[in-house]
């Protein structure tokens, strides 16, 4: 660690000309702070979205099949007389 020339009591934790902020775990970029859990969080959100689409498709299929069943039953009753 090197001491700051402007502030004698301040110790700079960065090393090198520009510091090691690119390599630190909690450094900031244009999209906000980076953490290790970002990838895991994005994966969880993506999987939840896939599960939602699957459930939505199952519900649509069930409703469609129910209408078909009702339609065929009513047709059978009407035309069987």
PDB file of N, CA and C in Angstrom:
ATOM      1  N   UNK A   1       0.846  -1.177   0.000  1.00  0.00           N
ATOM      2  CA  UNK A   1       0.000   0.000   0.000  1.00  0.00           C
ATOM      3  C   UNK A   1       0.888   1.235   0.000  1.00  0.00           C
ATOM      4  N   UNK A   2       0.458   2.189  -0.768  1.00  0.00           N
ATOM      5  CA  UNK A   2       1.234   3.415  -0.844  1.00  0.00           C
ATOM      6  C   UNK A   2       0.433   4.562  -0.248  1.00  0.00           C
ATOM      7  N   UNK A   3       1.149   5.516   0.291  1.00  0.00           N
ATOM      8  CA  UNK A   3       0.491   6.664   0.900  1.00  0.00           C
ATOM      9  C   UNK A   3       0.173   7.699  -0.168  1.00  0.00           C
ATOM     10  N   UNK A   4      -0.919   8.387   0.032  1.00  0.00           N
ATOM     11  CA  UNK A   4      -1.312   9.434  -0.892  1.00  0.00           C
ATOM     12  C   UNK A   4      -0.449  10.658  -0.658  1.00  0.00           C
ATOM     13  N   UNK A   5      -0.046  11.329  -1.750  1.00  0.00           N
ATOM     14  CA  UNK A   5       0.759  12.541  -1.627  1.00  0.00           C
ATOM     15  C   UNK A   5      -0.101  13.724  -1.209  1.00  0.00           C
ATOM     16  N   UNK A   6      -1.386  13.717  -1.610  1.00  0.00           N
ATOM     17  CA  UNK A   6      -2.265  14.829  -1.279  1.00  0.00           C
ATOM     18  C   UNK A   6      -2.719  14.770   0.174  1.00  0.00           C
ATOM     19  N   UNK A   7      -2.996  13.579   0.632  1.00  0.00           N
ATOM     20  CA  UNK A   7      -3.476  13.383   1.997  1.00  0.00           C
ATOM     21  C   UNK A   7      -2.509  12.450   2.709  1.00  0.00           C
ATOM     22  N   UNK A   8      -1.618  12.979   3.538  1.00  0.00           N
ATOM     23  CA  UNK A   8      -0.575  12.158   4.156  1.00  0.00           C
ATOM     24  C   UNK A   8      -1.126  11.034   5.041  1.00  0.00           C
ATOM     25  N   UNK A   9      -2.293  11.214   5.671  1.00  0.00           N
ATOM     26  CA  UNK A   9      -2.827  10.196   6.552  1.00  0.00           C
ATOM     27  C   UNK A   9      -3.624   9.127   5.823  1.00  0.00           C
ATOM     28  N   UNK A  10      -3.860   9.328   4.535  1.00  0.00           N
ATOM     29  CA  UNK A  10      -4.700   8.409   3.762  1.00  0.00           C
ATOM     30  C   UNK A  10      -3.828   7.360   3.085  1.00  0.00           C
ATOM     31  N   UNK A  11      -4.187   6.102   3.249  1.00  0.00           N
ATOM     32  CA  UNK A  11      -3.457   5.018   2.602  1.00  0.00           C
ATOM     33  C   UNK A  11      -4.308   4.478   1.471  1.00  0.00           C
ATOM     34  N   UNK A  12      -3.728   4.438   0.295  1.00  0.00           N
ATOM     35  CA  UNK A  12      -4.439   3.946  -0.883  1.00  0.00           C
ATOM     36  C   UNK A  12      -4.366   2.427  -0.923  1.00  0.00           C
ATOM     37  N   UNK A  13      -5.508   1.781  -1.095  1.00  0.00           N
ATOM     38  CA  UNK A  13      -5.519   0.319  -1.121  1.00  0.00           C
ATOM     39  C   UNK A  13      -5.293  -0.234  -2.527  1.00  0.00           C
ATOM     40  N   UNK A  14      -5.353   0.629  -3.533  1.00  0.00           N
ATOM     41  CA  UNK A  14      -5.130   0.188  -4.909  1.00  0.00           C
ATOM     42  C   UNK A  14      -3.650   0.175  -5.209  1.00  0.00           C
ATOM     43  N   UNK A  15      -3.229  -0.756  -6.046  1.00  0.00           N
ATOM     44  CA  UNK A  15      -1.833  -0.798  -6.449  1.00  0.00           C
ATOM     45  C   UNK A  15      -1.755  -0.566  -7.940  1.00  0.00           C
ATOM     46  N   UNK A  16      -0.607  -0.141  -8.397  1.00  0.00           N
ATOM     47  CA  UNK A  16      -0.421   0.090  -9.823  1.00  0.00           C
ATOM     48  C   UNK A  16      -0.916   1.475 -10.206  1.00  0.00           C
ATOM     49  N   UNK A  17      -0.817   1.764 -11.514  1.00  0.00           N
ATOM     50  CA  UNK A  17      -1.167   3.084 -11.994  1.00  0.00           C
ATOM     51  C   UNK A  17      -2.665   3.353 -11.890  1.00  0.00           C
ATOM     52  N   UNK A  18      -3.487   2.386 -12.310  1.00  0.00           N
ATOM     53  CA  UNK A  18      -4.925   2.570 -12.296  1.00  0.00           C
ATOM     54  C   UNK A  18      -5.602   1.795 -11.177  1.00  0.00           C
ATOM     55  N   UNK A  19      -4.847   1.065 -10.402  1.00  0.00           N
ATOM     56  CA  UNK A  19      -5.439   0.268  -9.337  1.00  0.00           C
ATOM     57  C   UNK A  19      -5.949  -1.054  -9.874  1.00  0.00           C
ATOM     58  N   UNK A  20      -6.388  -1.906  -8.984  1.00  0.00           N
ATOM     59  CA  UNK A  20      -6.895  -3.216  -9.377  1.00  0.00           C
ATOM     60  C   UNK A  20      -8.398  -3.284  -9.263  1.00  0.00           C
ATOM     61  N   UNK A  21      -9.087  -2.218  -9.575  1.00  0.00           N
ATOM     62  CA  UNK A  21     -10.537  -2.217  -9.433  1.00  0.00           C
ATOM     63  C   UNK A  21     -11.206  -3.161 -10.416  1.00  0.00           C
ATOM     64  N   UNK A  22     -10.612  -3.389 -11.584  1.00  0.00           N
ATOM     65  CA  UNK A  22     -11.224  -4.307 -12.537  1.00  0.00           C
ATOM     66  C   UNK A  22     -11.253  -5.731 -11.993  1.00  0.00           C
ATOM     67  N   UNK A  23     -10.296  -6.076 -11.170  1.00  0.00           N
ATOM     68  CA  UNK A  23     -10.194  -7.432 -10.651  1.00  0.00           C
ATOM     69  C   UNK A  23     -10.917  -7.617  -9.324  1.00  0.00           C
ATOM     70  N   UNK A  24     -11.326  -6.538  -8.677  1.00  0.00           N
ATOM     71  CA  UNK A  24     -11.974  -6.714  -7.378  1.00  0.00           C
ATOM     72  C   UNK A  24     -13.386  -7.241  -7.574  1.00  0.00           C
ATOM     73  N   UNK A  25     -13.872  -7.932  -6.577  1.00  0.00           N
ATOM     74  CA  UNK A  25     -15.166  -8.617  -6.687  1.00  0.00           C
ATOM     75  C   UNK A  25     -16.324  -7.623  -6.741  1.00  0.00           C
ATOM     76  N   UNK A  26     -16.279  -6.555  -6.017  1.00  0.00           N
ATOM     77  CA  UNK A  26     -17.399  -5.624  -5.933  1.00  0.00           C
ATOM     78  C   UNK A  26     -17.153  -4.340  -6.717  1.00  0.00           C
ATOM     79  N   UNK A  27     -16.385  -4.388  -7.782  1.00  0.00           N
ATOM     80  CA  UNK A  27     -16.135  -3.183  -8.555  1.00  0.00           C
ATOM     81  C   UNK A  27     -17.385  -2.809  -9.342  1.00  0.00           C
ATOM     82  N   UNK A  28     -17.464  -1.561  -9.725  1.00  0.00           N
ATOM     83  CA  UNK A  28     -18.623  -1.064 -10.456  1.00  0.00           C
ATOM     84  C   UNK A  28     -18.316  -1.033 -11.943  1.00  0.00           C
ATOM     85  N   UNK A  29     -19.327  -1.312 -12.740  1.00  0.00           N
ATOM     86  CA  UNK A  29     -19.248  -1.098 -14.171  1.00  0.00           C
ATOM     87  C   UNK A  29     -20.451  -0.249 -14.551  1.00  0.00           C
ATOM     88  N   UNK A  30     -20.732  -0.081 -15.814  1.00  0.00           N
ATOM     89  CA  UNK A  30     -21.826   0.786 -16.228  1.00  0.00           C
ATOM     90  C   UNK A  30     -23.191   0.220 -15.847  1.00  0.00           C
ATOM     91  N   UNK A  31     -23.278  -1.080 -15.603  1.00  0.00           N
ATOM     92  CA  UNK A  31     -24.542  -1.708 -15.255  1.00  0.00           C
ATOM     93  C   UNK A  31     -24.740  -1.857 -13.757  1.00  0.00           C
ATOM     94  N   UNK A  32     -23.849  -1.366 -12.944  1.00  0.00           N
ATOM     95  CA  UNK A  32     -23.976  -1.477 -11.494  1.00  0.00           C
ATOM     96  C   UNK A  32     -22.891  -2.373 -10.927  1.00  0.00           C
ATOM     97  N   UNK A  33     -23.005  -2.711  -9.649  1.00  0.00           N
ATOM     98  CA  UNK A  33     -21.960  -3.511  -9.016  1.00  0.00           C
ATOM     99  C   UNK A  33     -21.970  -4.951  -9.516  1.00  0.00           C
ATOM    100  N   UNK A  34     -20.780  -5.539  -9.605  1.00  0.00           N
ATOM    101  CA  UNK A  34     -20.660  -6.934 -10.015  1.00  0.00           C
ATOM    102  C   UNK A  34     -20.463  -7.798  -8.783  1.00  0.00           C
ATOM    103  N   UNK A  35     -21.155  -8.909  -8.746  1.00  0.00           N
ATOM    104  CA  UNK A  35     -20.943  -9.866  -7.670  1.00  0.00           C
ATOM    105  C   UNK A  35     -20.891 -11.261  -8.266  1.00  0.00           C
ATOM    106  N   UNK A  36     -20.445 -12.222  -7.486  1.00  0.00           N
ATOM    107  CA  UNK A  36     -20.362 -13.595  -7.973  1.00  0.00           C
ATOM    108  C   UNK A  36     -21.750 -14.182  -8.190  1.00  0.00           C
ATOM    109  N   UNK A  37     -22.732 -13.719  -7.466  1.00  0.00           N
ATOM    110  CA  UNK A  37     -24.056 -14.311  -7.516  1.00  0.00           C
ATOM    111  C   UNK A  37     -24.890 -13.830  -8.696  1.00  0.00           C
ATOM    112  N   UNK A  38     -24.393 -12.892  -9.488  1.00  0.00           N
ATOM    113  CA  UNK A  38     -25.170 -12.393 -10.624  1.00  0.00           C
ATOM    114  C   UNK A  38     -25.520 -13.507 -11.602  1.00  0.00           C
ATOM    115  N   UNK A  39     -24.556 -14.345 -11.928  1.00  0.00           N
ATOM    116  CA  UNK A  39     -24.807 -15.422 -12.887  1.00  0.00           C
ATOM    117  C   UNK A  39     -25.829 -16.400 -12.319  1.00  0.00           C
ATOM    118  N   UNK A  40     -25.702 -16.722 -11.046  1.00  0.00           N
ATOM    119  CA  UNK A  40     -26.633 -17.654 -10.418  1.00  0.00           C
ATOM    120  C   UNK A  40     -28.033 -17.050 -10.355  1.00  0.00           C
ATOM    121  N   UNK A  41     -28.128 -15.759 -10.043  1.00  0.00           N
ATOM    122  CA  UNK A  41     -29.419 -15.086  -9.968  1.00  0.00           C
ATOM    123  C   UNK A  41     -30.082 -15.033 -11.342  1.00  0.00           C
ATOM    124  N   UNK A  42     -29.306 -14.724 -12.382  1.00  0.00           N
ATOM    125  CA  UNK A  42     -29.851 -14.694 -13.744  1.00  0.00           C
ATOM    126  C   UNK A  42     -30.349 -16.074 -14.151  1.00  0.00           C
ATOM    127  N   UNK A  43     -29.591 -17.118 -13.777  1.00  0.00           N
ATOM    128  CA  UNK A  43     -30.002 -18.477 -14.102  1.00  0.00           C
ATOM    129  C   UNK A  43     -31.319 -18.827 -13.423  1.00  0.00           C
ATOM    130  N   UNK A  44     -31.452 -18.466 -12.156  1.00  0.00           N
ATOM    131  CA  UNK A  44     -32.686 -18.755 -11.419  1.00  0.00           C
ATOM    132  C   UNK A  44     -33.878 -18.040 -12.052  1.00  0.00           C
ATOM    133  N   UNK A  45     -33.688 -16.790 -12.451  1.00  0.00           N
ATOM    134  CA  UNK A  45     -34.771 -16.042 -13.100  1.00  0.00           C
ATOM    135  C   UNK A  45     -35.146 -16.678 -14.431  1.00  0.00           C
ATOM    136  N   UNK A  46     -34.135 -17.100 -15.196  1.00  0.00           N
ATOM    137  CA  UNK A  46     -34.391 -17.718 -16.499  1.00  0.00           C
ATOM    138  C   UNK A  46     -35.146 -19.033 -16.335  1.00  0.00           C
ATOM    139  N   UNK A  47     -34.747 -19.846 -15.369  1.00  0.00           N
ATOM    140  CA  UNK A  47     -35.421 -21.120 -15.130  1.00  0.00           C
ATOM    141  C   UNK A  47     -36.858 -20.879 -14.666  1.00  0.00           C
ATOM    142  N   UNK A  48     -37.066 -19.863 -13.818  1.00  0.00           N
ATOM    143  CA  UNK A  48     -38.423 -19.543 -13.366  1.00  0.00           C
ATOM    144  C   UNK A  48     -39.299 -19.121 -14.546  1.00  0.00           C
ATOM    145  N   UNK A  49     -38.733 -18.367 -15.483  1.00  0.00           N
ATOM    146  CA  UNK A  49     -39.482 -17.951 -16.671  1.00  0.00           C
ATOM    147  C   UNK A  49     -39.851 -19.163 -17.522  1.00  0.00           C
ATOM    148  N   UNK A  50     -38.902 -20.091 -17.701  1.00  0.00           N
ATOM    149  CA  UNK A  50     -39.203 -21.306 -18.456  1.00  0.00           C
ATOM    150  C   UNK A  50     -40.321 -22.092 -17.796  1.00  0.00           C
ATOM    151  N   UNK A  51     -40.266 -22.219 -16.474  1.00  0.00           N
ATOM    152  CA  UNK A  51     -41.312 -22.951 -15.756  1.00  0.00           C
ATOM    153  C   UNK A  51     -42.666 -22.274 -15.907  1.00  0.00           C
ATOM    154  N   UNK A  52     -42.674 -20.945 -15.912  1.00  0.00           N
ATOM    155  CA  UNK A  52     -43.920 -20.205 -16.086  1.00  0.00           C
ATOM    156  C   UNK A  52     -44.508 -20.474 -17.478  1.00  0.00           C
ATOM    157  N   UNK A  53     -43.653 -20.455 -18.514  1.00  0.00           N
ATOM    158  CA  UNK A  53     -44.132 -20.737 -19.870  1.00  0.00           C
ATOM    159  C   UNK A  53     -44.669 -22.152 -19.980  1.00  0.00           C
ATOM    160  N   UNK A  54     -44.019 -23.102 -19.324  1.00  0.00           N
ATOM    161  CA  UNK A  54     -44.479 -24.493 -19.350  1.00  0.00           C
ATOM    162  C   UNK A  54     -45.847 -24.617 -18.703  1.00  0.00           C
ATOM    163  N   UNK A  55     -46.007 -23.989 -17.547  1.00  0.00           N
ATOM    164  CA  UNK A  55     -47.290 -24.039 -16.846  1.00  0.00           C
ATOM    165  C   UNK A  55     -48.378 -23.370 -17.666  1.00  0.00           C
ATOM    166  N   UNK A  56     -48.055 -22.243 -18.270  1.00  0.00           N
ATOM    167  CA  UNK A  56     -49.028 -21.531 -19.106  1.00  0.00           C
ATOM    168  C   UNK A  56     -49.468 -22.395 -20.282  1.00  0.00           C
ATOM    169  N   UNK A  57     -48.524 -23.091 -20.898  1.00  0.00           N
ATOM    170  CA  UNK A  57     -48.854 -23.972 -22.013  1.00  0.00           C
ATOM    171  C   UNK A  57     -49.745 -25.130 -21.589  1.00  0.00           C
ATOM    172  N   UNK A  58     -49.469 -25.687 -20.404  1.00  0.00           N
ATOM    173  CA  UNK A  58     -50.295 -26.790 -19.908  1.00  0.00           C
ATOM    174  C   UNK A  58     -51.722 -26.327 -19.640  1.00  0.00           C
ATOM    175  N   UNK A  59     -51.868 -25.137 -19.083  1.00  0.00           N
ATOM    176  CA  UNK A  59     -53.208 -24.604 -18.797  1.00  0.00           C
ATOM    177  C   UNK A  59     -53.970 -24.367 -20.096  1.00  0.00           C
ATOM    178  N   UNK A  60     -53.303 -23.771 -21.081  1.00  0.00           N
ATOM    179  CA  UNK A  60     -53.956 -23.530 -22.369  1.00  0.00           C
ATOM    180  C   UNK A  60     -54.391 -24.838 -23.011  1.00  0.00           C
ATOM    181  N   UNK A  61     -53.532 -25.845 -22.940  1.00  0.00           N
ATOM    182  CA  UNK A  61     -53.858 -27.142 -23.519  1.00  0.00           C
ATOM    183  C   UNK A  61     -55.053 -27.775 -22.817  1.00  0.00           C
ATOM    184  N   UNK A  62     -55.102 -27.672 -21.501  1.00  0.00           N
ATOM    185  CA  UNK A  62     -56.208 -28.240 -20.738  1.00  0.00           C
ATOM    186  C   UNK A  62     -57.521 -27.546 -21.085  1.00  0.00           C
ATOM    187  N   UNK A  63     -57.506 -26.226 -21.181  1.00  0.00           N
ATOM    188  CA  UNK A  63     -58.717 -25.471 -21.523  1.00  0.00           C
ATOM    189  C   UNK A  63     -59.171 -25.819 -22.933  1.00  0.00           C
ATOM    190  N   UNK A  64     -58.222 -25.920 -23.862  1.00  0.00           N
ATOM    191  CA  UNK A  64     -58.554 -26.266 -25.250  1.00  0.00           C
ATOM    192  C   UNK A  64     -59.180 -27.658 -25.323  1.00  0.00           C
ATOM    193  N   UNK A  65     -58.586 -28.609 -24.613  1.00  0.00           N
ATOM    194  CA  UNK A  65     -59.131 -29.969 -24.606  1.00  0.00           C
ATOM    195  C   UNK A  65     -60.515 -30.010 -23.961  1.00  0.00           C
ATOM    196  N   UNK A  66     -60.729 -29.202 -22.923  1.00  0.00           N
ATOM    197  CA  UNK A  66     -62.036 -29.158 -22.265  1.00  0.00           C
ATOM    198  C   UNK A  66     -63.110 -28.641 -23.216  1.00  0.00           C
ATOM    199  N   UNK A  67     -62.796 -27.588 -23.975  1.00  0.00           N
ATOM    200  CA  UNK A  67     -63.764 -27.061 -24.939  1.00  0.00           C
ATOM    201  C   UNK A  67     -64.065 -28.076 -26.031  1.00  0.00           C
ATOM    202  N   UNK A  68     -63.033 -28.790 -26.482  1.00  0.00           N
ATOM    203  CA  UNK A  68     -63.263 -29.824 -27.495  1.00  0.00           C
ATOM    204  C   UNK A  68     -64.181 -30.915 -26.948  1.00  0.00           C
ATOM    205  N   UNK A  69     -63.951 -31.334 -25.700  1.00  0.00           N
ATOM    206  CA  UNK A  69     -64.767 -32.377 -25.083  1.00  0.00           C
ATOM    207  C   UNK A  69     -66.221 -31.924 -24.968  1.00  0.00           C
ATOM    208  N   UNK A  70     -66.431 -30.673 -24.501  1.00  0.00           N
ATOM    209  CA  UNK A  70     -67.792 -30.136 -24.370  1.00  0.00           C
ATOM    210  C   UNK A  70     -68.459 -30.066 -25.737  1.00  0.00           C
ATOM    211  N   UNK A  71     -67.718 -29.605 -26.738  1.00  0.00           N
ATOM    212  CA  UNK A  71     -68.275 -29.479 -28.097  1.00  0.00           C
ATOM    213  C   UNK A  71     -68.689 -30.840 -28.647  1.00  0.00           C
ATOM    214  N   UNK A  72     -67.856 -31.859 -28.477  1.00  0.00           N
ATOM    215  CA  UNK A  72     -68.214 -33.181 -28.986  1.00  0.00           C
ATOM    216  C   UNK A  72     -69.391 -33.766 -28.217  1.00  0.00           C
ATOM    217  N   UNK A  73     -69.469 -33.546 -26.908  1.00  0.00           N
ATOM    218  CA  UNK A  73     -70.598 -34.060 -26.126  1.00  0.00           C
ATOM    219  C   UNK A  73     -71.902 -33.409 -26.565  1.00  0.00           C
ATOM    220  N   UNK A  74     -71.878 -32.102 -26.751  1.00  0.00           N
ATOM    221  CA  UNK A  74     -73.088 -31.407 -27.202  1.00  0.00           C
ATOM    222  C   UNK A  74     -73.476 -31.835 -28.616  1.00  0.00           C
ATOM    223  N   UNK A  75     -72.489 -32.042 -29.464  1.00  0.00           N
ATOM    224  CA  UNK A  75     -72.773 -32.506 -30.829  1.00  0.00           C
ATOM    225  C   UNK A  75     -73.371 -33.905 -30.799  1.00  0.00           C
ATOM    226  N   UNK A  76     -72.841 -34.782 -29.963  1.00  0.00           N
ATOM    227  CA  UNK A  76     -73.377 -36.149 -29.851  1.00  0.00           C
ATOM    228  C   UNK A  76     -74.814 -36.133 -29.356  1.00  0.00           C
ATOM    229  N   UNK A  77     -75.083 -35.264 -28.381  1.00  0.00           N
ATOM    230  CA  UNK A  77     -76.448 -35.200 -27.836  1.00  0.00           C
ATOM    231  C   UNK A  77     -77.393 -34.648 -28.887  1.00  0.00           C
ATOM    232  N   UNK A  78     -76.988 -33.643 -29.628  1.00  0.00           N
ATOM    233  CA  UNK A  78     -77.862 -33.006 -30.613  1.00  0.00           C
ATOM    234  C   UNK A  78     -78.164 -33.922 -31.794  1.00  0.00           C
ATOM    235  N   UNK A  79     -77.116 -34.575 -32.317  1.00  0.00           N
ATOM    236  CA  UNK A  79     -77.283 -35.368 -33.536  1.00  0.00           C
ATOM    237  C   UNK A  79     -77.610 -36.835 -33.271  1.00  0.00           C
ATOM    238  N   UNK A  80     -77.641 -37.263 -32.014  1.00  0.00           N
ATOM    239  CA  UNK A  80     -77.943 -38.661 -31.749  1.00  0.00           C
ATOM    240  C   UNK A  80     -79.450 -38.918 -31.688  1.00  0.00           C
ATOM    241  N   UNK A  81     -80.240 -37.885 -31.652  1.00  0.00           N
ATOM    242  CA  UNK A  81     -81.703 -38.036 -31.556  1.00  0.00           C
ATOM    243  C   UNK A  81     -82.286 -38.458 -32.840  1.00  0.00           C
TER     244      UNK A  81
END
